[in-house]
Amino acid sequence: MYLSFKQIGMQMASGLGPRVVHSACFSALGYFAFETARLAILHQYLEHKEKELSKINVAPA
C-alpha cells in the first residue's frame, strides 16, 4: 500500500483543526487567569501603599 504525498499531507492535517481550537481555548483561559491574578495583586499592593502613605501624611502642616 503506497500513499501519495497528498494523501500523507491530508492525513497529517486531518486532526489539526480540533487541536488548534483546543490549544486556543486553553491559552485564553491561561491568559485570563494570569491577568486576573496580576490585577488582584496590583490592587492589593496599591491599597497597601495608600494606607502606608495615609499614616505618614496625618500630621497637620
N, C-alpha and C. Protein backbone atom coordinates (compact mmCIF):
# COMPACT_ATOMS: atom_id res chain seq x y z
N MET A 1 0.85 -1.18 0.00
CA MET A 1 0.00 0.00 0.00
C MET A 1 0.89 1.24 0.00
N TYR A 2 0.83 1.96 -1.06
CA TYR A 2 1.62 3.18 -1.20
C TYR A 2 0.70 4.39 -1.11
N LEU A 3 1.15 5.40 -0.37
CA LEU A 3 0.37 6.63 -0.22
C LEU A 3 1.08 7.75 -0.96
N SER A 4 0.31 8.59 -1.59
CA SER A 4 0.91 9.74 -2.26
C SER A 4 1.21 10.83 -1.23
N PHE A 5 2.01 11.77 -1.63
CA PHE A 5 2.33 12.88 -0.73
C PHE A 5 1.07 13.66 -0.35
N LYS A 6 0.13 13.77 -1.27
CA LYS A 6 -1.12 14.48 -0.98
C LYS A 6 -1.91 13.75 0.10
N GLN A 7 -1.99 12.42 0.00
CA GLN A 7 -2.73 11.65 0.99
C GLN A 7 -2.05 11.72 2.36
N ILE A 8 -0.73 11.67 2.38
CA ILE A 8 0.00 11.76 3.64
C ILE A 8 -0.24 13.13 4.28
N GLY A 9 -0.18 14.19 3.48
CA GLY A 9 -0.43 15.54 3.99
C GLY A 9 -1.83 15.69 4.54
N MET A 10 -2.80 15.11 3.85
CA MET A 10 -4.19 15.20 4.31
C MET A 10 -4.37 14.44 5.63
N GLN A 11 -3.71 13.29 5.76
CA GLN A 11 -3.83 12.52 6.99
C GLN A 11 -3.15 13.23 8.15
N MET A 12 -2.03 13.88 7.90
CA MET A 12 -1.32 14.60 8.96
C MET A 12 -2.11 15.82 9.42
N ALA A 13 -2.80 16.48 8.50
CA ALA A 13 -3.54 17.70 8.82
C ALA A 13 -4.98 17.44 9.24
N SER A 14 -5.41 16.18 9.23
CA SER A 14 -6.83 15.90 9.49
C SER A 14 -7.24 16.27 10.91
N GLY A 15 -6.38 16.13 11.89
CA GLY A 15 -6.74 16.47 13.25
C GLY A 15 -6.23 17.83 13.69
N LEU A 16 -5.75 18.61 12.76
CA LEU A 16 -5.16 19.90 13.10
C LEU A 16 -6.18 20.91 13.62
N GLY A 17 -7.35 20.98 13.02
CA GLY A 17 -8.38 21.93 13.43
C GLY A 17 -8.78 21.80 14.88
N PRO A 18 -9.18 20.60 15.32
CA PRO A 18 -9.56 20.44 16.73
C PRO A 18 -8.41 20.73 17.69
N ARG A 19 -7.19 20.39 17.29
CA ARG A 19 -6.04 20.67 18.17
C ARG A 19 -5.82 22.17 18.32
N VAL A 20 -5.98 22.90 17.23
CA VAL A 20 -5.79 24.36 17.28
C VAL A 20 -6.87 24.99 18.15
N VAL A 21 -8.10 24.56 18.00
CA VAL A 21 -9.20 25.10 18.81
C VAL A 21 -8.97 24.79 20.29
N HIS A 22 -8.58 23.56 20.58
CA HIS A 22 -8.32 23.15 21.97
C HIS A 22 -7.19 23.99 22.55
N SER A 23 -6.12 24.15 21.81
CA SER A 23 -4.98 24.92 22.28
C SER A 23 -5.35 26.39 22.48
N ALA A 24 -6.11 26.94 21.58
CA ALA A 24 -6.51 28.34 21.69
C ALA A 24 -7.40 28.57 22.91
N CYS A 25 -8.30 27.64 23.18
CA CYS A 25 -9.18 27.77 24.35
C CYS A 25 -8.37 27.76 25.64
N PHE A 26 -7.43 26.82 25.76
CA PHE A 26 -6.65 26.74 26.99
C PHE A 26 -5.66 27.90 27.10
N SER A 27 -5.19 28.41 25.99
CA SER A 27 -4.34 29.60 26.04
C SER A 27 -5.13 30.79 26.54
N ALA A 28 -6.36 30.93 26.08
CA ALA A 28 -7.21 32.03 26.54
C ALA A 28 -7.51 31.92 28.03
N LEU A 29 -7.77 30.71 28.51
CA LEU A 29 -8.02 30.51 29.94
C LEU A 29 -6.78 30.85 30.76
N GLY A 30 -5.62 30.43 30.29
CA GLY A 30 -4.38 30.74 31.00
C GLY A 30 -4.11 32.23 31.04
N TYR A 31 -4.35 32.91 29.92
CA TYR A 31 -4.14 34.35 29.86
C TYR A 31 -5.10 35.06 30.80
N PHE A 32 -6.36 34.63 30.83
CA PHE A 32 -7.36 35.22 31.72
C PHE A 32 -6.96 35.04 33.18
N ALA A 33 -6.50 33.84 33.54
CA ALA A 33 -6.10 33.58 34.92
C ALA A 33 -4.89 34.44 35.30
N PHE A 34 -3.93 34.55 34.40
CA PHE A 34 -2.74 35.36 34.67
C PHE A 34 -3.10 36.83 34.86
N GLU A 35 -3.89 37.38 33.96
CA GLU A 35 -4.26 38.79 34.05
C GLU A 35 -5.11 39.07 35.29
N THR A 36 -6.01 38.15 35.64
CA THR A 36 -6.84 38.33 36.83
C THR A 36 -5.97 38.35 38.08
N ALA A 37 -5.04 37.42 38.17
CA ALA A 37 -4.14 37.38 39.33
C ALA A 37 -3.26 38.62 39.38
N ARG A 38 -2.77 39.06 38.23
CA ARG A 38 -1.91 40.25 38.17
C ARG A 38 -2.67 41.48 38.66
N LEU A 39 -3.90 41.64 38.21
CA LEU A 39 -4.69 42.80 38.62
C LEU A 39 -5.05 42.74 40.10
N ALA A 40 -5.34 41.54 40.62
CA ALA A 40 -5.65 41.41 42.04
C ALA A 40 -4.44 41.77 42.90
N ILE A 41 -3.26 41.32 42.49
CA ILE A 41 -2.03 41.64 43.23
C ILE A 41 -1.74 43.13 43.15
N LEU A 42 -1.91 43.72 41.98
CA LEU A 42 -1.68 45.15 41.82
C LEU A 42 -2.65 45.96 42.69
N HIS A 43 -3.91 45.57 42.71
CA HIS A 43 -4.92 46.27 43.52
C HIS A 43 -4.57 46.18 45.01
N GLN A 44 -4.17 45.00 45.45
CA GLN A 44 -3.78 44.81 46.85
C GLN A 44 -2.56 45.65 47.19
N TYR A 45 -1.59 45.70 46.30
CA TYR A 45 -0.38 46.48 46.51
C TYR A 45 -0.71 47.98 46.62
N LEU A 46 -1.57 48.47 45.73
CA LEU A 46 -1.93 49.88 45.74
C LEU A 46 -2.71 50.25 47.01
N GLU A 47 -3.59 49.37 47.46
CA GLU A 47 -4.30 49.63 48.71
C GLU A 47 -3.33 49.70 49.89
N HIS A 48 -2.38 48.79 49.92
CA HIS A 48 -1.38 48.76 50.99
C HIS A 48 -0.55 50.04 50.97
N LYS A 49 -0.13 50.47 49.78
CA LYS A 49 0.66 51.70 49.65
C LYS A 49 -0.15 52.91 50.09
N GLU A 50 -1.43 52.95 49.73
CA GLU A 50 -2.28 54.08 50.09
C GLU A 50 -2.44 54.18 51.62
N LYS A 51 -2.63 53.03 52.28
CA LYS A 51 -2.72 53.03 53.74
C LYS A 51 -1.41 53.48 54.36
N GLU A 52 -0.31 53.03 53.81
CA GLU A 52 1.01 53.41 54.31
C GLU A 52 1.23 54.92 54.18
N LEU A 53 0.86 55.48 53.04
CA LEU A 53 1.03 56.91 52.82
C LEU A 53 0.08 57.74 53.68
N SER A 54 -1.12 57.22 53.93
CA SER A 54 -2.06 57.98 54.76
C SER A 54 -1.58 58.05 56.21
N LYS A 55 -0.86 57.05 56.67
CA LYS A 55 -0.30 57.10 58.02
C LYS A 55 0.80 58.14 58.12
N ILE A 56 1.55 58.31 57.06
CA ILE A 56 2.66 59.27 57.06
C ILE A 56 2.14 60.70 57.00
N ASN A 57 1.08 60.94 56.24
CA ASN A 57 0.60 62.30 55.98
C ASN A 57 -0.49 62.76 56.95
N VAL A 58 -0.65 62.14 58.10
CA VAL A 58 -1.72 62.54 59.01
C VAL A 58 -1.33 63.74 59.88
N ALA A 59 -0.07 64.04 59.99
CA ALA A 59 0.36 65.17 60.82
C ALA A 59 -0.07 66.48 60.18
N PRO A 60 -0.65 67.41 60.99
CA PRO A 60 -1.06 68.70 60.43
C PRO A 60 0.15 69.54 60.03
N ALA A 61 -0.03 70.30 58.98
CA ALA A 61 1.08 71.12 58.47
C ALA A 61 1.14 72.46 59.15
